[in-house]
Amino acid sequence: MHTGDRSQLDEAGYLRITGRVKDIFKTSKGKYVAPAPIEGKIAKTHWVEQVCLMGSNLDQPLALVELSPAARQQPRELLGQSLAEHLHAVNQRLEAHERVSHFYLVSEAWTVDNGSMTPTMKIRRNVLEMRYAEVIAGLPGEQVIVWED
C-alpha cells in the first residue's frame, strides 16, 4: 500500500508514521532528515506556535519558528535564552545530522491568506523555503537564535 507516508516499525512491531515521503530532505552532507518528528520536539514548548524545519542542501537543518502569542509578550533577551536552552535540549535527543543549527524567529504569522498554509492548515514548506532562502543562506554561525526584524 502506497500512502505517501514515511513510517518505521518499533520494537513491539507497531507501525509508526514519522512523516511524509515528500517532506524528507537531504543535507549537503548527503544525510536524509525527516522534519516532522523534529518539528514535534521543537513544538513542545508554549513559546512556539508553529515550526518548519529546513535543511535541503544545508550542512545542518534549521527551524523557522512562529512564536506563540505568549512568547511575543516576553522580553526578547529572556525569550531568546529560553529558546536557546530548548534548542540545546532538543538537539541532545537527535542524531548528529539531524541537529538544528538555528531557530529563525519569523515576524509574520503563517496563514492561508499569505500563502504559507494550505486551506487544511498544513504548512507549505516549499513556499517558506523560497520566501526565506536568502535569509537562510546568510545566517550567522555563532548566533543560534536569530530574530527577523
N, C-alpha and C. Protein backbone atom coordinates (compact mmCIF):
# COMPACT_ATOMS: atom_id res chain seq x y z
N MET A 1 0.85 -1.17 0.00
CA MET A 1 0.00 0.00 0.00
C MET A 1 0.90 1.24 0.00
N HIS A 2 0.63 2.16 -0.90
CA HIS A 2 1.42 3.38 -1.01
C HIS A 2 0.57 4.58 -0.59
N THR A 3 0.93 5.18 0.52
CA THR A 3 0.14 6.31 1.04
C THR A 3 0.88 7.63 0.96
N GLY A 4 2.20 7.58 0.72
CA GLY A 4 3.00 8.79 0.77
C GLY A 4 3.51 9.10 2.15
N ASP A 5 3.19 8.23 3.12
CA ASP A 5 3.68 8.41 4.48
C ASP A 5 4.98 7.66 4.67
N ARG A 6 5.86 8.20 5.48
CA ARG A 6 7.10 7.53 5.86
C ARG A 6 6.84 6.93 7.24
N SER A 7 7.28 5.68 7.42
CA SER A 7 6.99 5.00 8.68
C SER A 7 8.14 4.11 9.09
N GLN A 8 8.05 3.60 10.31
CA GLN A 8 9.03 2.63 10.79
C GLN A 8 8.32 1.71 11.77
N LEU A 9 8.86 0.50 11.90
CA LEU A 9 8.34 -0.45 12.87
C LEU A 9 9.10 -0.29 14.17
N ASP A 10 8.39 -0.22 15.29
CA ASP A 10 9.08 -0.13 16.58
C ASP A 10 9.40 -1.54 17.09
N GLU A 11 10.02 -1.60 18.27
CA GLU A 11 10.46 -2.88 18.84
C GLU A 11 9.31 -3.85 19.06
N ALA A 12 8.13 -3.33 19.32
CA ALA A 12 6.96 -4.16 19.59
C ALA A 12 6.23 -4.58 18.31
N GLY A 13 6.73 -4.12 17.16
CA GLY A 13 6.12 -4.48 15.90
C GLY A 13 5.02 -3.55 15.44
N TYR A 14 4.86 -2.41 16.11
CA TYR A 14 3.84 -1.44 15.72
C TYR A 14 4.39 -0.50 14.65
N LEU A 15 3.56 -0.17 13.71
CA LEU A 15 3.92 0.76 12.66
C LEU A 15 3.70 2.18 13.16
N ARG A 16 4.73 3.02 13.01
CA ARG A 16 4.65 4.40 13.47
C ARG A 16 4.88 5.31 12.28
N ILE A 17 3.98 6.26 12.04
CA ILE A 17 4.13 7.23 10.96
C ILE A 17 5.11 8.30 11.43
N THR A 18 6.17 8.55 10.63
CA THR A 18 7.20 9.51 11.03
C THR A 18 7.21 10.76 10.16
N GLY A 19 6.41 10.79 9.13
CA GLY A 19 6.37 11.98 8.28
C GLY A 19 5.90 11.62 6.88
N ARG A 20 5.98 12.57 6.01
CA ARG A 20 5.60 12.37 4.61
C ARG A 20 6.86 12.17 3.80
N VAL A 21 6.80 11.27 2.82
CA VAL A 21 7.96 11.00 1.98
C VAL A 21 8.41 12.27 1.28
N LYS A 22 7.46 13.06 0.78
CA LYS A 22 7.83 14.26 0.04
C LYS A 22 8.44 15.34 0.94
N ASP A 23 8.26 15.26 2.24
CA ASP A 23 8.81 16.26 3.15
C ASP A 23 10.27 15.99 3.52
N ILE A 24 10.73 14.78 3.31
CA ILE A 24 12.10 14.42 3.69
C ILE A 24 13.07 15.19 2.80
N PHE A 25 14.16 15.69 3.40
CA PHE A 25 15.16 16.40 2.62
C PHE A 25 16.54 15.82 2.88
N LYS A 26 17.46 16.16 1.98
CA LYS A 26 18.84 15.69 2.08
C LYS A 26 19.74 16.88 2.36
N THR A 27 20.58 16.77 3.39
CA THR A 27 21.51 17.84 3.73
C THR A 27 22.66 17.85 2.73
N SER A 28 23.49 18.87 2.80
CA SER A 28 24.65 18.95 1.90
C SER A 28 25.67 17.85 2.20
N LYS A 29 25.54 17.22 3.35
CA LYS A 29 26.43 16.11 3.73
C LYS A 29 25.90 14.77 3.24
N GLY A 30 24.76 14.78 2.53
CA GLY A 30 24.20 13.56 1.98
C GLY A 30 23.32 12.76 2.92
N LYS A 31 22.97 13.33 4.05
CA LYS A 31 22.14 12.63 5.04
C LYS A 31 20.68 13.05 4.87
N TYR A 32 19.77 12.08 4.99
CA TYR A 32 18.34 12.36 4.89
C TYR A 32 17.76 12.67 6.26
N VAL A 33 16.86 13.66 6.28
CA VAL A 33 16.22 14.10 7.52
C VAL A 33 14.71 14.15 7.31
N ALA A 34 13.97 13.54 8.23
CA ALA A 34 12.51 13.63 8.24
C ALA A 34 12.14 14.76 9.20
N PRO A 35 11.59 15.85 8.71
CA PRO A 35 11.35 17.02 9.57
C PRO A 35 10.25 16.85 10.61
N ALA A 36 9.21 16.09 10.32
CA ALA A 36 8.04 16.04 11.22
C ALA A 36 8.38 15.64 12.66
N PRO A 37 9.16 14.58 12.90
CA PRO A 37 9.46 14.24 14.30
C PRO A 37 10.25 15.33 15.03
N ILE A 38 11.14 15.98 14.31
CA ILE A 38 11.96 17.04 14.91
C ILE A 38 11.08 18.26 15.19
N GLU A 39 10.21 18.60 14.25
CA GLU A 39 9.28 19.71 14.45
C GLU A 39 8.40 19.44 15.67
N GLY A 40 8.00 18.21 15.85
CA GLY A 40 7.19 17.85 17.01
C GLY A 40 7.92 18.09 18.32
N LYS A 41 9.20 17.78 18.35
CA LYS A 41 10.01 18.02 19.56
C LYS A 41 10.16 19.52 19.82
N ILE A 42 10.41 20.28 18.76
CA ILE A 42 10.58 21.73 18.90
C ILE A 42 9.28 22.38 19.38
N ALA A 43 8.15 21.90 18.89
CA ALA A 43 6.85 22.50 19.22
C ALA A 43 6.40 22.21 20.64
N LYS A 44 7.14 21.39 21.38
CA LYS A 44 6.74 21.04 22.75
C LYS A 44 7.16 22.10 23.76
N THR A 45 6.95 23.33 23.41
CA THR A 45 7.13 24.45 24.33
C THR A 45 6.02 25.46 24.05
N HIS A 46 5.56 26.12 25.08
CA HIS A 46 4.48 27.09 24.90
C HIS A 46 4.93 28.35 24.16
N TRP A 47 6.22 28.48 23.89
CA TRP A 47 6.73 29.64 23.16
C TRP A 47 6.54 29.49 21.65
N VAL A 48 6.32 28.28 21.17
CA VAL A 48 6.28 28.02 19.73
C VAL A 48 4.84 27.79 19.28
N GLU A 49 4.40 28.60 18.32
CA GLU A 49 3.08 28.43 17.71
C GLU A 49 3.16 27.41 16.57
N GLN A 50 4.14 27.62 15.67
CA GLN A 50 4.35 26.72 14.53
C GLN A 50 5.83 26.67 14.23
N VAL A 51 6.25 25.56 13.60
CA VAL A 51 7.65 25.39 13.25
C VAL A 51 7.76 24.68 11.92
N CYS A 52 8.76 25.06 11.15
CA CYS A 52 9.03 24.43 9.86
C CYS A 52 10.53 24.20 9.76
N LEU A 53 10.92 22.93 9.70
CA LEU A 53 12.33 22.58 9.61
C LEU A 53 12.78 22.63 8.16
N MET A 54 13.93 23.26 7.92
CA MET A 54 14.53 23.36 6.59
C MET A 54 15.91 22.72 6.64
N GLY A 55 16.42 22.31 5.51
CA GLY A 55 17.76 21.76 5.52
C GLY A 55 18.25 21.23 4.20
N SER A 56 17.43 21.30 3.18
CA SER A 56 17.85 20.80 1.88
C SER A 56 19.10 21.54 1.42
N ASN A 57 20.17 20.78 1.21
CA ASN A 57 21.47 21.30 0.76
C ASN A 57 22.16 22.22 1.77
N LEU A 58 21.77 22.16 3.03
CA LEU A 58 22.47 22.87 4.10
C LEU A 58 23.30 21.87 4.88
N ASP A 59 24.35 22.35 5.57
CA ASP A 59 25.16 21.46 6.40
C ASP A 59 24.32 20.85 7.52
N GLN A 60 23.51 21.67 8.17
CA GLN A 60 22.64 21.23 9.27
C GLN A 60 21.26 21.83 9.08
N PRO A 61 20.23 21.13 9.52
CA PRO A 61 18.88 21.70 9.45
C PRO A 61 18.75 22.95 10.33
N LEU A 62 17.79 23.78 10.01
CA LEU A 62 17.45 24.93 10.84
C LEU A 62 15.93 25.00 10.91
N ALA A 63 15.44 25.69 11.92
CA ALA A 63 13.99 25.77 12.12
C ALA A 63 13.50 27.20 11.97
N LEU A 64 12.51 27.38 11.11
CA LEU A 64 11.76 28.62 11.07
C LEU A 64 10.70 28.49 12.15
N VAL A 65 10.62 29.48 13.03
CA VAL A 65 9.71 29.39 14.17
C VAL A 65 8.78 30.60 14.20
N GLU A 66 7.49 30.30 14.26
CA GLU A 66 6.49 31.34 14.51
C GLU A 66 6.21 31.31 16.01
N LEU A 67 6.44 32.42 16.68
CA LEU A 67 6.25 32.48 18.13
C LEU A 67 4.77 32.49 18.51
N SER A 68 4.48 31.95 19.67
CA SER A 68 3.12 31.96 20.21
C SER A 68 2.79 33.38 20.69
N PRO A 69 1.51 33.69 20.86
CA PRO A 69 1.14 35.00 21.41
C PRO A 69 1.79 35.26 22.78
N ALA A 70 1.88 34.23 23.62
CA ALA A 70 2.53 34.40 24.94
C ALA A 70 4.00 34.76 24.78
N ALA A 71 4.66 34.15 23.82
CA ALA A 71 6.08 34.43 23.60
C ALA A 71 6.30 35.87 23.15
N ARG A 72 5.39 36.36 22.34
CA ARG A 72 5.54 37.73 21.81
C ARG A 72 5.45 38.78 22.92
N GLN A 73 4.91 38.41 24.07
CA GLN A 73 4.79 39.33 25.20
C GLN A 73 6.03 39.33 26.10
N GLN A 74 6.95 38.42 25.86
CA GLN A 74 8.13 38.27 26.72
C GLN A 74 9.25 39.21 26.29
N PRO A 75 10.10 39.62 27.24
CA PRO A 75 11.29 40.38 26.86
C PRO A 75 12.17 39.52 25.94
N ARG A 76 12.69 40.14 24.90
CA ARG A 76 13.45 39.42 23.89
C ARG A 76 14.62 38.64 24.47
N GLU A 77 15.35 39.25 25.38
CA GLU A 77 16.54 38.61 25.94
C GLU A 77 16.18 37.32 26.69
N LEU A 78 15.15 37.40 27.54
CA LEU A 78 14.73 36.22 28.30
C LEU A 78 14.16 35.13 27.40
N LEU A 79 13.37 35.53 26.42
CA LEU A 79 12.80 34.56 25.49
C LEU A 79 13.90 33.90 24.68
N GLY A 80 14.85 34.69 24.22
CA GLY A 80 15.97 34.14 23.45
C GLY A 80 16.75 33.11 24.25
N GLN A 81 17.00 33.40 25.51
CA GLN A 81 17.72 32.46 26.38
C GLN A 81 16.92 31.18 26.58
N SER A 82 15.63 31.31 26.80
CA SER A 82 14.77 30.14 26.99
C SER A 82 14.73 29.28 25.73
N LEU A 83 14.62 29.92 24.57
CA LEU A 83 14.59 29.18 23.31
C LEU A 83 15.93 28.51 23.02
N ALA A 84 17.03 29.17 23.36
CA ALA A 84 18.35 28.56 23.17
C ALA A 84 18.50 27.31 24.03
N GLU A 85 18.00 27.37 25.26
CA GLU A 85 18.03 26.19 26.14
C GLU A 85 17.16 25.08 25.58
N HIS A 86 16.01 25.44 25.05
CA HIS A 86 15.11 24.45 24.45
C HIS A 86 15.77 23.80 23.23
N LEU A 87 16.41 24.61 22.39
CA LEU A 87 17.11 24.09 21.22
C LEU A 87 18.19 23.10 21.64
N HIS A 88 18.95 23.46 22.66
CA HIS A 88 20.01 22.58 23.17
C HIS A 88 19.42 21.25 23.65
N ALA A 89 18.32 21.31 24.39
CA ALA A 89 17.67 20.10 24.90
C ALA A 89 17.15 19.22 23.76
N VAL A 90 16.56 19.83 22.75
CA VAL A 90 16.06 19.07 21.60
C VAL A 90 17.22 18.40 20.88
N ASN A 91 18.30 19.16 20.65
CA ASN A 91 19.44 18.62 19.91
C ASN A 91 20.09 17.44 20.62
N GLN A 92 20.03 17.40 21.93
CA GLN A 92 20.64 16.28 22.66
C GLN A 92 19.92 14.97 22.39
N ARG A 93 18.69 15.04 21.91
CA ARG A 93 17.91 13.83 21.62
C ARG A 93 17.92 13.47 20.13
N LEU A 94 18.73 14.16 19.35
CA LEU A 94 18.78 13.92 17.91
C LEU A 94 20.12 13.36 17.48
N GLU A 95 20.12 12.67 16.35
CA GLU A 95 21.38 12.21 15.76
C GLU A 95 22.12 13.43 15.23
N ALA A 96 23.43 13.30 15.07
CA ALA A 96 24.28 14.43 14.70
C ALA A 96 23.79 15.13 13.43
N HIS A 97 23.41 14.39 12.41
CA HIS A 97 22.99 15.01 11.15
C HIS A 97 21.61 15.66 11.24
N GLU A 98 20.85 15.38 12.30
CA GLU A 98 19.52 15.96 12.48
C GLU A 98 19.53 17.21 13.36
N ARG A 99 20.63 17.48 14.03
CA ARG A 99 20.68 18.59 14.99
C ARG A 99 20.44 19.92 14.31
N VAL A 100 19.63 20.73 14.96
CA VAL A 100 19.17 22.01 14.42
C VAL A 100 20.19 23.09 14.75
N SER A 101 20.65 23.79 13.72
CA SER A 101 21.69 24.80 13.91
C SER A 101 21.14 26.12 14.45
N HIS A 102 19.93 26.51 14.02
CA HIS A 102 19.36 27.81 14.37
C HIS A 102 17.85 27.71 14.54
N PHE A 103 17.34 28.61 15.36
CA PHE A 103 15.92 28.95 15.35
C PHE A 103 15.86 30.32 14.70
N TYR A 104 15.18 30.44 13.57
CA TYR A 104 14.96 31.73 12.94
C TYR A 104 13.53 32.13 13.26
N LEU A 105 13.38 33.16 14.09
CA LEU A 105 12.08 33.58 14.60
C LEU A 105 11.44 34.57 13.63
N VAL A 106 10.42 34.11 12.93
CA VAL A 106 9.78 34.92 11.90
C VAL A 106 8.87 35.96 12.53
N SER A 107 8.71 37.08 11.83
CA SER A 107 7.88 38.16 12.38
C SER A 107 6.44 38.09 11.88
N GLU A 108 6.21 37.45 10.75
CA GLU A 108 4.87 37.37 10.18
C GLU A 108 4.25 36.00 10.45
N ALA A 109 3.01 36.01 10.90
CA ALA A 109 2.30 34.74 11.13
C ALA A 109 2.08 34.02 9.81
N TRP A 110 2.11 32.70 9.86
CA TRP A 110 1.85 31.88 8.67
C TRP A 110 0.35 31.65 8.57
N THR A 111 -0.23 32.07 7.46
CA THR A 111 -1.67 31.97 7.28
C THR A 111 -2.00 31.47 5.87
N VAL A 112 -3.25 31.12 5.67
CA VAL A 112 -3.73 30.75 4.34
C VAL A 112 -3.67 31.98 3.44
N ASP A 113 -4.04 33.14 3.97
CA ASP A 113 -4.08 34.37 3.18
C ASP A 113 -2.73 34.78 2.61
N ASN A 114 -1.64 34.55 3.36
CA ASN A 114 -0.33 34.93 2.83
C ASN A 114 0.38 33.78 2.12
N GLY A 115 -0.35 32.66 1.93
CA GLY A 115 0.18 31.54 1.15
C GLY A 115 1.08 30.59 1.90
N SER A 116 1.28 30.81 3.18
CA SER A 116 2.17 29.96 3.97
C SER A 116 1.52 28.65 4.41
N MET A 117 0.18 28.62 4.40
CA MET A 117 -0.58 27.45 4.85
C MET A 117 -1.58 27.05 3.76
N THR A 118 -1.89 25.76 3.74
CA THR A 118 -2.93 25.27 2.84
C THR A 118 -4.29 25.54 3.49
N PRO A 119 -5.37 25.41 2.74
CA PRO A 119 -6.70 25.57 3.35
C PRO A 119 -6.97 24.57 4.48
N THR A 120 -6.25 23.44 4.48
CA THR A 120 -6.40 22.46 5.57
C THR A 120 -5.39 22.69 6.69
N MET A 121 -4.77 23.87 6.68
CA MET A 121 -3.87 24.33 7.74
C MET A 121 -2.57 23.54 7.83
N LYS A 122 -2.05 23.10 6.70
CA LYS A 122 -0.73 22.46 6.66
C LYS A 122 0.26 23.49 6.15
N ILE A 123 1.45 23.46 6.71
CA ILE A 123 2.50 24.40 6.30
C ILE A 123 2.94 24.08 4.88
N ARG A 124 3.09 25.11 4.07
CA ARG A 124 3.61 24.96 2.72
C ARG A 124 5.13 25.14 2.78
N ARG A 125 5.80 24.04 3.02
CA ARG A 125 7.25 24.04 3.20
C ARG A 125 7.98 24.69 2.02
N ASN A 126 7.55 24.34 0.80
CA ASN A 126 8.23 24.89 -0.38
C ASN A 126 8.08 26.41 -0.48
N VAL A 127 6.92 26.93 -0.09
CA VAL A 127 6.71 28.38 -0.10
C VAL A 127 7.63 29.06 0.91
N LEU A 128 7.73 28.49 2.11
CA LEU A 128 8.60 29.07 3.14
C LEU A 128 10.07 28.96 2.74
N GLU A 129 10.46 27.86 2.10
CA GLU A 129 11.84 27.73 1.64
C GLU A 129 12.20 28.84 0.67
N MET A 130 11.29 29.13 -0.27
CA MET A 130 11.55 30.19 -1.24
C MET A 130 11.55 31.56 -0.56
N ARG A 131 10.58 31.79 0.32
CA ARG A 131 10.45 33.08 0.99
C ARG A 131 11.69 33.42 1.82
N TYR A 132 12.26 32.42 2.48
CA TYR A 132 13.37 32.67 3.41
C TYR A 132 14.72 32.20 2.88
N ALA A 133 14.83 31.90 1.58
CA ALA A 133 16.07 31.35 1.00
C ALA A 133 17.28 32.24 1.26
N GLU A 134 17.16 33.53 1.01
CA GLU A 134 18.30 34.44 1.20
C GLU A 134 18.70 34.54 2.66
N VAL A 135 17.72 34.59 3.53
CA VAL A 135 17.97 34.68 4.97
C VAL A 135 18.70 33.43 5.44
N ILE A 136 18.21 32.28 5.02
CA ILE A 136 18.80 31.00 5.42
C ILE A 136 20.26 30.93 5.00
N ALA A 137 20.55 31.39 3.79
CA ALA A 137 21.92 31.33 3.28
C ALA A 137 22.87 32.22 4.07
N GLY A 138 22.36 33.29 4.68
CA GLY A 138 23.22 34.24 5.36
C GLY A 138 23.16 34.22 6.87
N LEU A 139 22.63 33.15 7.47
CA LEU A 139 22.52 33.12 8.93
C LEU A 139 23.89 33.09 9.59
N PRO A 140 24.06 33.86 10.67
CA PRO A 140 25.35 33.87 11.38
C PRO A 140 25.61 32.54 12.07
N GLY A 141 26.82 32.04 11.97
CA GLY A 141 27.17 30.74 12.53
C GLY A 141 27.12 30.67 14.04
N GLU A 142 27.51 31.73 14.71
CA GLU A 142 27.65 31.70 16.17
C GLU A 142 26.35 31.98 16.92
N GLN A 143 25.40 32.60 16.28
CA GLN A 143 24.16 33.00 16.93
C GLN A 143 23.07 31.97 16.61
N VAL A 144 22.57 31.24 17.62
CA VAL A 144 21.60 30.16 17.36
C VAL A 144 20.15 30.64 17.33
N ILE A 145 19.86 31.74 17.99
CA ILE A 145 18.51 32.33 17.96
C ILE A 145 18.61 33.63 17.16
N VAL A 146 17.93 33.66 16.02
CA VAL A 146 18.00 34.82 15.13
C VAL A 146 16.59 35.37 14.94
N TRP A 147 16.44 36.66 15.13
CA TRP A 147 15.14 37.33 15.03
C TRP A 147 15.00 37.98 13.67
N GLU A 148 13.84 37.82 13.05
CA GLU A 148 13.52 38.56 11.84
C GLU A 148 12.96 39.90 12.30
N ASP A 149 13.54 40.97 11.85
CA ASP A 149 13.06 42.29 12.27
C ASP A 149 12.30 42.99 11.19
